[in-house]
Amino acid sequence: MHVIVGLGNPGTKYKATRHNVGFEAVAALAGDHKITLKNHSRFRAFVGEGRIAGKQVLLVLPMTFMNLSGESVIKILNFYKLPPQAITVVYDDVSLPVGDIRVRERGSSGGQKGMVNIIAHLKTEEFSRVRIGVGDKPPQMTLSDYVLSKFLKEEREDIIKGVTNAVKAVEVILQEDTLAAMNMFNKRLTKGEKDA
């Protein structure tokens, strides 16, 4: 079984904020494949089970709030007796331009609080992730205020494209593997640009 986790914060207050693009992508994936997400108090998450690309999948939206996402993820892995390598996490990244995505087989949290908590609970960085760029914060804003802000009107087209590409990247991971998705979706870096 493959577990696809979208990170975000529950509640209408946080809907359409930068921090919730992981939720948006996994909800879109569920919609595209007619997988119903239901509230499971045992896992503190909305969970939907189905098949994508012939693979059995569990789609997960933790309801713990971002900073405690690992509590939900570890409960699911323990219940289904799955290794950390069975998961792919989709989440926002302030180090990428709005709408850009990066796929990785492993790596650090990059300071993203949900990923910090997941890595702490799983005790490994060895799992796939799809990062969706939400842009760097303006100097006058704190990071927490920025990630909880909504996208500007002129950013909406880019973030819709980013969420769509994140969904496609997850589908490629399921159809083939993470390396295939990396080759397809990771933009070549220009000279002087650095990947987080």
N, C-alpha and C. Protein backbone atom coordinates (compact mmCIF):
# COMPACT_ATOMS: atom_id res chain seq x y z
N MET A 1 0.84 -1.20 0.00
CA MET A 1 0.00 0.00 0.00
C MET A 1 0.88 1.26 0.00
N HIS A 2 0.48 2.22 -0.80
CA HIS A 2 1.17 3.52 -0.84
C HIS A 2 0.33 4.54 -0.08
N VAL A 3 0.97 5.31 0.78
CA VAL A 3 0.28 6.32 1.57
C VAL A 3 0.69 7.70 1.06
N ILE A 4 -0.28 8.47 0.59
CA ILE A 4 -0.01 9.82 0.09
C ILE A 4 -0.57 10.81 1.10
N VAL A 5 0.31 11.59 1.69
CA VAL A 5 -0.07 12.50 2.77
C VAL A 5 0.02 13.94 2.27
N GLY A 6 -1.07 14.70 2.40
CA GLY A 6 -1.07 16.12 2.09
C GLY A 6 -1.06 16.92 3.38
N LEU A 7 -0.14 17.87 3.50
CA LEU A 7 -0.04 18.63 4.74
C LEU A 7 -0.81 19.94 4.67
N GLY A 8 -1.38 20.32 5.81
CA GLY A 8 -2.13 21.57 5.91
C GLY A 8 -2.70 21.73 7.30
N ASN A 9 -3.52 22.74 7.47
CA ASN A 9 -4.22 22.98 8.73
C ASN A 9 -5.72 22.82 8.52
N PRO A 10 -6.41 22.16 9.46
CA PRO A 10 -7.86 21.99 9.31
C PRO A 10 -8.63 23.27 9.60
N GLY A 11 -9.83 23.37 9.06
CA GLY A 11 -10.71 24.50 9.36
C GLY A 11 -10.78 25.50 8.23
N THR A 12 -11.94 26.14 8.10
CA THR A 12 -12.17 27.09 7.01
C THR A 12 -11.24 28.30 7.09
N LYS A 13 -10.80 28.63 8.29
CA LYS A 13 -9.89 29.77 8.48
C LYS A 13 -8.61 29.63 7.64
N TYR A 14 -8.18 28.39 7.44
CA TYR A 14 -6.90 28.14 6.77
C TYR A 14 -7.06 27.72 5.31
N LYS A 15 -8.30 27.61 4.85
CA LYS A 15 -8.54 27.18 3.48
C LYS A 15 -7.91 28.17 2.50
N ALA A 16 -7.27 27.62 1.45
CA ALA A 16 -6.66 28.42 0.38
C ALA A 16 -5.45 29.24 0.85
N THR A 17 -4.89 28.93 2.02
CA THR A 17 -3.65 29.60 2.43
C THR A 17 -2.45 28.86 1.84
N ARG A 18 -1.31 29.52 1.88
CA ARG A 18 -0.08 28.93 1.31
C ARG A 18 0.27 27.62 1.99
N HIS A 19 0.05 27.54 3.30
CA HIS A 19 0.41 26.35 4.07
C HIS A 19 -0.47 25.14 3.72
N ASN A 20 -1.58 25.38 3.01
CA ASN A 20 -2.53 24.29 2.76
C ASN A 20 -2.48 23.72 1.35
N VAL A 21 -1.44 24.03 0.58
CA VAL A 21 -1.40 23.50 -0.79
C VAL A 21 -1.24 21.98 -0.81
N GLY A 22 -0.63 21.40 0.23
CA GLY A 22 -0.55 19.94 0.31
C GLY A 22 -1.94 19.31 0.42
N PHE A 23 -2.78 19.92 1.28
CA PHE A 23 -4.19 19.49 1.37
C PHE A 23 -4.86 19.57 0.01
N GLU A 24 -4.68 20.72 -0.66
CA GLU A 24 -5.34 20.95 -1.95
C GLU A 24 -4.95 19.89 -2.97
N ALA A 25 -3.66 19.55 -3.03
CA ALA A 25 -3.18 18.59 -4.02
C ALA A 25 -3.75 17.20 -3.76
N VAL A 26 -3.74 16.76 -2.51
CA VAL A 26 -4.22 15.40 -2.21
C VAL A 26 -5.75 15.34 -2.33
N ALA A 27 -6.44 16.41 -1.99
CA ALA A 27 -7.90 16.46 -2.20
C ALA A 27 -8.22 16.40 -3.69
N ALA A 28 -7.41 17.08 -4.52
CA ALA A 28 -7.60 17.04 -5.97
C ALA A 28 -7.33 15.63 -6.50
N LEU A 29 -6.30 14.98 -5.99
CA LEU A 29 -5.99 13.60 -6.37
C LEU A 29 -7.16 12.68 -6.04
N ALA A 30 -7.74 12.87 -4.85
CA ALA A 30 -8.91 12.08 -4.45
C ALA A 30 -10.07 12.31 -5.41
N GLY A 31 -10.32 13.56 -5.74
CA GLY A 31 -11.41 13.88 -6.66
C GLY A 31 -11.20 13.27 -8.03
N ASP A 32 -9.98 13.37 -8.55
CA ASP A 32 -9.67 12.84 -9.89
C ASP A 32 -9.87 11.33 -9.96
N HIS A 33 -9.64 10.64 -8.85
CA HIS A 33 -9.72 9.17 -8.85
C HIS A 33 -10.93 8.64 -8.07
N LYS A 34 -11.87 9.55 -7.80
CA LYS A 34 -13.13 9.18 -7.13
C LYS A 34 -12.90 8.41 -5.83
N ILE A 35 -11.97 8.93 -5.03
CA ILE A 35 -11.69 8.36 -3.71
C ILE A 35 -12.29 9.30 -2.66
N THR A 36 -13.16 8.76 -1.83
CA THR A 36 -13.84 9.56 -0.80
C THR A 36 -12.97 9.67 0.45
N LEU A 37 -12.78 10.90 0.91
CA LEU A 37 -12.03 11.12 2.14
C LEU A 37 -13.00 11.23 3.31
N LYS A 38 -12.79 10.40 4.34
CA LYS A 38 -13.67 10.39 5.51
C LYS A 38 -12.86 10.64 6.77
N ASN A 39 -13.51 11.27 7.75
CA ASN A 39 -12.84 11.56 9.01
C ASN A 39 -12.66 10.29 9.82
N HIS A 40 -11.40 9.98 10.16
CA HIS A 40 -11.08 8.81 10.99
C HIS A 40 -10.45 9.30 12.29
N SER A 41 -11.22 9.30 13.36
CA SER A 41 -10.70 9.83 14.63
C SER A 41 -9.51 9.01 15.14
N ARG A 42 -9.49 7.71 14.81
CA ARG A 42 -8.37 6.85 15.23
C ARG A 42 -7.03 7.40 14.74
N PHE A 43 -7.05 7.91 13.49
CA PHE A 43 -5.82 8.41 12.89
C PHE A 43 -5.67 9.92 12.98
N ARG A 44 -6.71 10.60 13.51
CA ARG A 44 -6.73 12.07 13.55
C ARG A 44 -6.47 12.62 12.14
N ALA A 45 -7.24 12.10 11.18
CA ALA A 45 -7.04 12.48 9.79
C ALA A 45 -8.27 12.17 8.96
N PHE A 46 -8.39 12.85 7.83
CA PHE A 46 -9.31 12.43 6.78
C PHE A 46 -8.55 11.44 5.92
N VAL A 47 -9.16 10.28 5.68
CA VAL A 47 -8.49 9.19 4.99
C VAL A 47 -9.40 8.62 3.90
N GLY A 48 -8.82 8.30 2.77
CA GLY A 48 -9.56 7.66 1.69
C GLY A 48 -8.74 6.54 1.10
N GLU A 49 -9.38 5.39 0.87
CA GLU A 49 -8.68 4.23 0.32
C GLU A 49 -9.19 3.96 -1.09
N GLY A 50 -8.28 3.63 -1.99
CA GLY A 50 -8.69 3.32 -3.36
C GLY A 50 -7.52 2.82 -4.17
N ARG A 51 -7.66 2.91 -5.51
CA ARG A 51 -6.59 2.47 -6.40
C ARG A 51 -6.25 3.57 -7.39
N ILE A 52 -4.96 3.78 -7.58
CA ILE A 52 -4.46 4.72 -8.58
C ILE A 52 -3.33 4.01 -9.32
N ALA A 53 -3.41 4.00 -10.64
CA ALA A 53 -2.39 3.34 -11.47
C ALA A 53 -2.23 1.87 -11.07
N GLY A 54 -3.34 1.25 -10.69
CA GLY A 54 -3.31 -0.17 -10.32
C GLY A 54 -2.73 -0.45 -8.95
N LYS A 55 -2.38 0.60 -8.21
CA LYS A 55 -1.78 0.42 -6.87
C LYS A 55 -2.81 0.77 -5.80
N GLN A 56 -2.78 0.01 -4.71
CA GLN A 56 -3.64 0.33 -3.57
C GLN A 56 -3.05 1.54 -2.86
N VAL A 57 -3.88 2.56 -2.64
CA VAL A 57 -3.39 3.79 -2.01
C VAL A 57 -4.28 4.19 -0.84
N LEU A 58 -3.65 4.89 0.07
CA LEU A 58 -4.35 5.54 1.18
C LEU A 58 -4.02 7.02 1.07
N LEU A 59 -5.04 7.85 0.87
CA LEU A 59 -4.85 9.29 0.81
C LEU A 59 -5.16 9.87 2.18
N VAL A 60 -4.28 10.72 2.69
CA VAL A 60 -4.37 11.17 4.08
C VAL A 60 -4.22 12.68 4.18
N LEU A 61 -5.15 13.31 4.91
CA LEU A 61 -5.04 14.72 5.28
C LEU A 61 -5.05 14.78 6.81
N PRO A 62 -3.89 14.92 7.45
CA PRO A 62 -3.86 14.98 8.92
C PRO A 62 -4.67 16.16 9.44
N MET A 63 -5.42 15.92 10.52
CA MET A 63 -6.23 16.98 11.15
C MET A 63 -5.62 17.44 12.47
N THR A 64 -4.32 17.23 12.62
CA THR A 64 -3.63 17.53 13.88
C THR A 64 -3.13 18.97 13.95
N PHE A 65 -3.28 19.73 12.88
CA PHE A 65 -2.59 20.99 12.63
C PHE A 65 -1.16 20.65 12.19
N MET A 66 -0.64 21.53 11.35
CA MET A 66 0.61 21.28 10.63
C MET A 66 1.74 20.77 11.53
N ASN A 67 1.97 21.47 12.66
CA ASN A 67 3.15 21.18 13.48
C ASN A 67 3.14 19.81 14.15
N LEU A 68 1.98 19.13 14.11
CA LEU A 68 1.87 17.81 14.73
C LEU A 68 1.51 16.73 13.70
N SER A 69 1.80 16.98 12.43
CA SER A 69 1.42 16.06 11.36
C SER A 69 1.96 14.64 11.57
N GLY A 70 3.13 14.53 12.17
CA GLY A 70 3.74 13.22 12.39
C GLY A 70 2.91 12.30 13.27
N GLU A 71 2.12 12.89 14.19
CA GLU A 71 1.30 12.07 15.08
C GLU A 71 0.29 11.25 14.29
N SER A 72 -0.28 11.86 13.27
CA SER A 72 -1.24 11.17 12.41
C SER A 72 -0.54 10.13 11.53
N VAL A 73 0.57 10.54 10.92
CA VAL A 73 1.29 9.66 9.99
C VAL A 73 1.79 8.40 10.68
N ILE A 74 2.35 8.54 11.87
CA ILE A 74 2.89 7.36 12.57
C ILE A 74 1.78 6.40 12.98
N LYS A 75 0.61 6.95 13.35
CA LYS A 75 -0.52 6.07 13.70
C LYS A 75 -0.93 5.22 12.51
N ILE A 76 -0.96 5.82 11.32
CA ILE A 76 -1.36 5.10 10.11
C ILE A 76 -0.32 4.04 9.76
N LEU A 77 0.96 4.39 9.78
CA LEU A 77 2.00 3.41 9.45
C LEU A 77 2.00 2.25 10.44
N ASN A 78 1.82 2.55 11.72
CA ASN A 78 1.79 1.47 12.72
C ASN A 78 0.57 0.58 12.54
N PHE A 79 -0.59 1.17 12.28
CA PHE A 79 -1.82 0.39 12.12
C PHE A 79 -1.72 -0.55 10.92
N TYR A 80 -1.22 -0.04 9.79
CA TYR A 80 -1.12 -0.86 8.57
C TYR A 80 0.19 -1.63 8.46
N LYS A 81 1.06 -1.46 9.48
CA LYS A 81 2.36 -2.14 9.52
C LYS A 81 3.17 -1.85 8.25
N LEU A 82 3.30 -0.56 7.95
CA LEU A 82 4.01 -0.11 6.76
C LEU A 82 5.32 0.58 7.14
N PRO A 83 6.34 0.47 6.29
CA PRO A 83 7.59 1.20 6.55
C PRO A 83 7.46 2.66 6.12
N PRO A 84 8.31 3.55 6.61
CA PRO A 84 8.27 4.95 6.19
C PRO A 84 8.38 5.13 4.67
N GLN A 85 9.08 4.20 4.02
CA GLN A 85 9.29 4.30 2.57
C GLN A 85 7.98 4.14 1.78
N ALA A 86 6.90 3.74 2.46
CA ALA A 86 5.59 3.58 1.79
C ALA A 86 4.89 4.92 1.61
N ILE A 87 5.43 6.01 2.19
CA ILE A 87 4.71 7.28 2.12
C ILE A 87 5.34 8.26 1.13
N THR A 88 4.48 9.12 0.61
CA THR A 88 4.90 10.31 -0.14
C THR A 88 4.17 11.48 0.49
N VAL A 89 4.91 12.51 0.88
CA VAL A 89 4.32 13.68 1.53
C VAL A 89 4.31 14.85 0.55
N VAL A 90 3.17 15.52 0.45
CA VAL A 90 3.00 16.68 -0.43
C VAL A 90 2.82 17.91 0.46
N TYR A 91 3.66 18.94 0.25
CA TYR A 91 3.60 20.09 1.15
C TYR A 91 4.16 21.35 0.51
N ASP A 92 3.94 22.49 1.18
CA ASP A 92 4.37 23.80 0.70
C ASP A 92 5.84 24.05 0.99
N ASP A 93 6.47 24.87 0.13
CA ASP A 93 7.88 25.19 0.31
C ASP A 93 8.13 26.66 -0.04
N VAL A 94 8.59 27.43 0.94
CA VAL A 94 8.84 28.86 0.72
C VAL A 94 10.14 29.11 -0.05
N SER A 95 10.97 28.08 -0.24
CA SER A 95 12.24 28.28 -0.95
C SER A 95 12.07 28.13 -2.47
N LEU A 96 10.85 27.78 -2.91
CA LEU A 96 10.59 27.64 -4.35
C LEU A 96 9.63 28.73 -4.82
N PRO A 97 9.81 29.21 -6.05
CA PRO A 97 8.85 30.18 -6.59
C PRO A 97 7.44 29.61 -6.63
N VAL A 98 6.45 30.49 -6.57
CA VAL A 98 5.05 30.05 -6.56
C VAL A 98 4.75 29.16 -7.77
N GLY A 99 4.26 27.95 -7.47
CA GLY A 99 3.84 27.02 -8.52
C GLY A 99 4.91 26.06 -9.00
N ASP A 100 6.19 26.32 -8.69
CA ASP A 100 7.23 25.34 -9.04
C ASP A 100 7.10 24.13 -8.13
N ILE A 101 7.46 22.96 -8.63
CA ILE A 101 7.46 21.79 -7.74
C ILE A 101 8.82 21.10 -7.80
N ARG A 102 9.15 20.40 -6.73
CA ARG A 102 10.35 19.57 -6.66
C ARG A 102 9.94 18.22 -6.06
N VAL A 103 10.43 17.16 -6.68
CA VAL A 103 10.19 15.81 -6.18
C VAL A 103 11.52 15.28 -5.65
N ARG A 104 11.48 14.64 -4.50
CA ARG A 104 12.69 14.08 -3.90
C ARG A 104 12.41 12.69 -3.32
N GLU A 105 13.44 11.84 -3.34
CA GLU A 105 13.31 10.49 -2.75
C GLU A 105 13.54 10.51 -1.25
N ARG A 106 14.23 11.54 -0.78
CA ARG A 106 14.59 11.65 0.64
C ARG A 106 15.08 13.07 0.87
N GLY A 107 15.39 13.42 2.12
CA GLY A 107 15.97 14.73 2.38
C GLY A 107 15.52 15.30 3.71
N SER A 108 16.09 16.45 4.04
CA SER A 108 15.77 17.11 5.31
C SER A 108 14.41 17.77 5.24
N SER A 109 13.99 18.34 6.35
CA SER A 109 12.69 19.01 6.43
C SER A 109 12.71 20.37 5.75
N GLY A 110 13.90 20.95 5.58
CA GLY A 110 14.00 22.31 5.05
C GLY A 110 13.36 23.33 5.98
N GLY A 111 13.14 22.93 7.25
CA GLY A 111 12.54 23.82 8.23
C GLY A 111 11.01 23.84 8.21
N GLN A 112 10.39 23.09 7.28
CA GLN A 112 8.93 23.05 7.22
C GLN A 112 8.42 22.28 8.43
N LYS A 113 7.60 22.94 9.27
CA LYS A 113 7.26 22.40 10.59
C LYS A 113 6.55 21.03 10.54
N GLY A 114 5.67 20.85 9.56
CA GLY A 114 5.02 19.55 9.43
C GLY A 114 6.01 18.44 9.13
N MET A 115 6.97 18.74 8.26
CA MET A 115 8.00 17.74 7.92
C MET A 115 8.95 17.50 9.09
N VAL A 116 9.26 18.55 9.83
CA VAL A 116 10.09 18.38 11.04
C VAL A 116 9.45 17.34 11.96
N ASN A 117 8.13 17.46 12.16
CA ASN A 117 7.41 16.57 13.07
C ASN A 117 7.30 15.15 12.51
N ILE A 118 7.07 15.04 11.21
CA ILE A 118 6.99 13.70 10.59
C ILE A 118 8.32 12.99 10.71
N ILE A 119 9.41 13.68 10.37
CA ILE A 119 10.75 13.07 10.47
C ILE A 119 11.06 12.66 11.90
N ALA A 120 10.67 13.49 12.87
CA ALA A 120 10.90 13.16 14.28
C ALA A 120 10.16 11.89 14.68
N HIS A 121 8.91 11.74 14.21
CA HIS A 121 8.13 10.55 14.56
C HIS A 121 8.61 9.30 13.82
N LEU A 122 9.00 9.46 12.55
CA LEU A 122 9.42 8.29 11.76
C LEU A 122 10.88 7.92 12.01
N LYS A 123 11.63 8.89 12.55
CA LYS A 123 13.06 8.69 12.84
C LYS A 123 13.86 8.37 11.57
N THR A 124 13.42 8.93 10.45
CA THR A 124 14.14 8.77 9.19
C THR A 124 13.70 9.88 8.22
N GLU A 125 14.62 10.20 7.29
CA GLU A 125 14.30 11.14 6.21
C GLU A 125 14.11 10.38 4.89
N GLU A 126 14.11 9.04 4.98
CA GLU A 126 14.07 8.19 3.79
C GLU A 126 12.64 7.93 3.33
N PHE A 127 12.00 8.95 2.80
CA PHE A 127 10.68 8.77 2.20
C PHE A 127 10.49 9.88 1.16
N SER A 128 9.63 9.62 0.18
CA SER A 128 9.44 10.55 -0.93
C SER A 128 8.65 11.77 -0.51
N ARG A 129 8.90 12.87 -1.23
CA ARG A 129 8.13 14.08 -0.98
C ARG A 129 7.99 14.87 -2.28
N VAL A 130 6.87 15.58 -2.36
CA VAL A 130 6.60 16.50 -3.47
C VAL A 130 6.39 17.87 -2.86
N ARG A 131 7.29 18.81 -3.15
CA ARG A 131 7.22 20.16 -2.59
C ARG A 131 6.61 21.11 -3.61
N ILE A 132 5.67 21.92 -3.14
CA ILE A 132 5.01 22.90 -4.01
C ILE A 132 5.45 24.30 -3.57
N GLY A 133 6.04 25.04 -4.49
CA GLY A 133 6.53 26.37 -4.17
C GLY A 133 5.40 27.35 -3.87
N VAL A 134 5.57 28.09 -2.77
CA VAL A 134 4.59 29.13 -2.42
C VAL A 134 5.25 30.51 -2.37
N GLY A 135 6.53 30.57 -2.78
CA GLY A 135 7.23 31.85 -2.83
C GLY A 135 7.86 32.25 -1.51
N ASP A 136 8.87 33.08 -1.60
CA ASP A 136 9.58 33.57 -0.42
C ASP A 136 8.79 34.69 0.24
N LYS A 137 8.90 34.78 1.55
CA LYS A 137 8.13 35.80 2.28
C LYS A 137 8.70 37.20 2.05
N PRO A 138 7.82 38.20 2.03
CA PRO A 138 8.31 39.58 1.96
C PRO A 138 9.05 39.91 3.26
N PRO A 139 10.04 40.82 3.20
CA PRO A 139 10.84 41.13 4.40
C PRO A 139 10.03 41.65 5.58
N GLN A 140 8.89 42.31 5.30
CA GLN A 140 8.11 42.92 6.39
C GLN A 140 7.20 41.91 7.11
N MET A 141 7.13 40.66 6.63
CA MET A 141 6.23 39.66 7.23
C MET A 141 7.02 38.60 7.97
N THR A 142 6.42 38.07 9.05
CA THR A 142 7.02 36.90 9.70
C THR A 142 6.70 35.68 8.84
N LEU A 143 7.49 34.63 8.99
CA LEU A 143 7.26 33.41 8.21
C LEU A 143 5.89 32.82 8.51
N SER A 144 5.50 32.79 9.80
CA SER A 144 4.21 32.19 10.17
C SER A 144 3.05 32.98 9.56
N ASP A 145 3.13 34.30 9.59
CA ASP A 145 2.07 35.11 8.96
C ASP A 145 2.02 34.87 7.46
N TYR A 146 3.20 34.74 6.86
CA TYR A 146 3.25 34.56 5.40
C TYR A 146 2.62 33.24 4.97
N VAL A 147 3.02 32.13 5.62
CA VAL A 147 2.49 30.84 5.17
C VAL A 147 1.00 30.69 5.47
N LEU A 148 0.49 31.48 6.41
CA LEU A 148 -0.95 31.44 6.71
C LEU A 148 -1.74 32.49 5.92
N SER A 149 -1.04 33.17 5.01
CA SER A 149 -1.73 34.15 4.15
C SER A 149 -2.25 33.46 2.89
N LYS A 150 -3.19 34.12 2.23
CA LYS A 150 -3.74 33.60 0.99
C LYS A 150 -2.90 34.10 -0.19
N PHE A 151 -3.01 33.39 -1.30
CA PHE A 151 -2.27 33.79 -2.49
C PHE A 151 -2.83 35.09 -3.06
N LEU A 152 -1.94 35.87 -3.62
CA LEU A 152 -2.35 37.10 -4.30
C LEU A 152 -3.06 36.73 -5.60
N LYS A 153 -3.90 37.61 -6.07
CA LYS A 153 -4.67 37.37 -7.30
C LYS A 153 -3.74 36.98 -8.45
N GLU A 154 -2.61 37.68 -8.56
CA GLU A 154 -1.69 37.41 -9.67
C GLU A 154 -0.89 36.11 -9.51
N GLU A 155 -1.00 35.47 -8.33
CA GLU A 155 -0.31 34.19 -8.10
C GLU A 155 -1.21 32.99 -8.33
N ARG A 156 -2.53 33.21 -8.43
CA ARG A 156 -3.47 32.09 -8.45
C ARG A 156 -3.22 31.14 -9.62
N GLU A 157 -2.96 31.70 -10.79
CA GLU A 157 -2.75 30.84 -11.97
C GLU A 157 -1.54 29.93 -11.77
N ASP A 158 -0.46 30.49 -11.21
CA ASP A 158 0.76 29.71 -10.98
C ASP A 158 0.54 28.62 -9.94
N ILE A 159 -0.19 28.94 -8.86
CA ILE A 159 -0.36 27.92 -7.82
C ILE A 159 -1.32 26.82 -8.28
N ILE A 160 -2.31 27.17 -9.08
CA ILE A 160 -3.20 26.14 -9.64
C ILE A 160 -2.38 25.17 -10.50
N LYS A 161 -1.48 25.72 -11.30
CA LYS A 161 -0.59 24.89 -12.13
C LYS A 161 0.30 24.02 -11.24
N GLY A 162 0.82 24.61 -10.16
CA GLY A 162 1.68 23.86 -9.26
C GLY A 162 0.96 22.70 -8.60
N VAL A 163 -0.27 22.93 -8.13
CA VAL A 163 -1.06 21.87 -7.50
C VAL A 163 -1.37 20.77 -8.53
N THR A 164 -1.72 21.18 -9.75
CA THR A 164 -2.00 20.22 -10.83
C THR A 164 -0.77 19.37 -11.13
N ASN A 165 0.41 20.01 -11.20
CA ASN A 165 1.64 19.26 -11.47
C ASN A 165 2.01 18.34 -10.30
N ALA A 166 1.72 18.77 -9.07
CA ALA A 166 1.98 17.92 -7.91
C ALA A 166 1.13 16.65 -7.98
N VAL A 167 -0.13 16.80 -8.38
CA VAL A 167 -1.01 15.63 -8.56
C VAL A 167 -0.43 14.69 -9.61
N LYS A 168 0.00 15.27 -10.73
CA LYS A 168 0.59 14.45 -11.80
C LYS A 168 1.86 13.75 -11.33
N ALA A 169 2.66 14.46 -10.54
CA ALA A 169 3.90 13.88 -10.02
C ALA A 169 3.62 12.67 -9.13
N VAL A 170 2.60 12.79 -8.27
CA VAL A 170 2.22 11.65 -7.42
C VAL A 170 1.77 10.48 -8.29
N GLU A 171 1.01 10.77 -9.34
CA GLU A 171 0.55 9.69 -10.24
C GLU A 171 1.74 9.00 -10.90
N VAL A 172 2.77 9.75 -11.29
CA VAL A 172 3.97 9.16 -11.89
C VAL A 172 4.72 8.32 -10.86
N ILE A 173 4.80 8.81 -9.63
CA ILE A 173 5.43 8.03 -8.55
C ILE A 173 4.74 6.67 -8.42
N LEU A 174 3.41 6.68 -8.47
CA LEU A 174 2.64 5.43 -8.33
C LEU A 174 2.76 4.54 -9.57
N GLN A 175 2.74 5.17 -10.75
CA GLN A 175 2.83 4.39 -11.99
C GLN A 175 4.23 3.81 -12.20
N GLU A 176 5.25 4.62 -11.88
CA GLU A 176 6.63 4.20 -12.11
C GLU A 176 7.40 4.21 -10.78
N ASP A 177 8.05 5.33 -10.49
CA ASP A 177 8.72 5.48 -9.20
C ASP A 177 9.08 6.96 -9.00
N THR A 178 9.68 7.25 -7.85
CA THR A 178 10.01 8.64 -7.53
C THR A 178 11.05 9.21 -8.47
N LEU A 179 12.02 8.40 -8.87
CA LEU A 179 13.06 8.87 -9.79
C LEU A 179 12.46 9.32 -11.12
N ALA A 180 11.49 8.57 -11.63
CA ALA A 180 10.82 8.94 -12.89
C ALA A 180 10.12 10.30 -12.73
N ALA A 181 9.46 10.51 -11.58
CA ALA A 181 8.79 11.79 -11.33
C ALA A 181 9.80 12.93 -11.21
N MET A 182 10.95 12.65 -10.58
CA MET A 182 12.01 13.66 -10.47
C MET A 182 12.48 14.08 -11.85
N ASN A 183 12.71 13.11 -12.71
CA ASN A 183 13.20 13.40 -14.07
C ASN A 183 12.18 14.18 -14.88
N MET A 184 10.91 13.94 -14.62
CA MET A 184 9.86 14.58 -15.39
C MET A 184 9.53 15.99 -14.89
N PHE A 185 9.55 16.19 -13.57
CA PHE A 185 9.02 17.44 -13.00
C PHE A 185 10.05 18.39 -12.40
N ASN A 186 11.23 17.90 -12.06
CA ASN A 186 12.21 18.80 -11.45
C ASN A 186 12.86 19.68 -12.50
N LYS A 187 12.61 20.97 -12.39
CA LYS A 187 13.15 21.93 -13.34
C LYS A 187 14.67 21.98 -13.21
N ARG A 188 15.34 22.09 -14.34
CA ARG A 188 16.79 22.25 -14.29
C ARG A 188 17.13 23.59 -13.63
N LEU A 189 18.08 23.57 -12.73
CA LEU A 189 18.47 24.81 -12.06
C LEU A 189 19.37 25.63 -12.96
N THR A 190 19.14 26.93 -13.01
CA THR A 190 20.02 27.79 -13.79
C THR A 190 21.25 28.10 -12.96
N LYS A 191 22.32 28.56 -13.62
CA LYS A 191 23.57 28.83 -12.92
C LYS A 191 23.33 29.84 -11.81
N GLY A 192 23.83 29.53 -10.62
CA GLY A 192 23.68 30.45 -9.49
C GLY A 192 22.43 30.18 -8.66
N GLU A 193 21.47 29.43 -9.22
CA GLU A 193 20.26 29.11 -8.47
C GLU A 193 20.55 27.90 -7.61
N LYS A 194 19.98 27.85 -6.43
CA LYS A 194 20.26 26.70 -5.58
C LYS A 194 18.96 26.08 -5.10
N ASP A 195 18.97 24.75 -5.01
CA ASP A 195 17.79 24.02 -4.56
C ASP A 195 17.92 23.80 -3.06
N ALA A 196 16.81 23.99 -2.34
CA ALA A 196 16.84 23.82 -0.89
C ALA A 196 16.83 22.36 -0.53
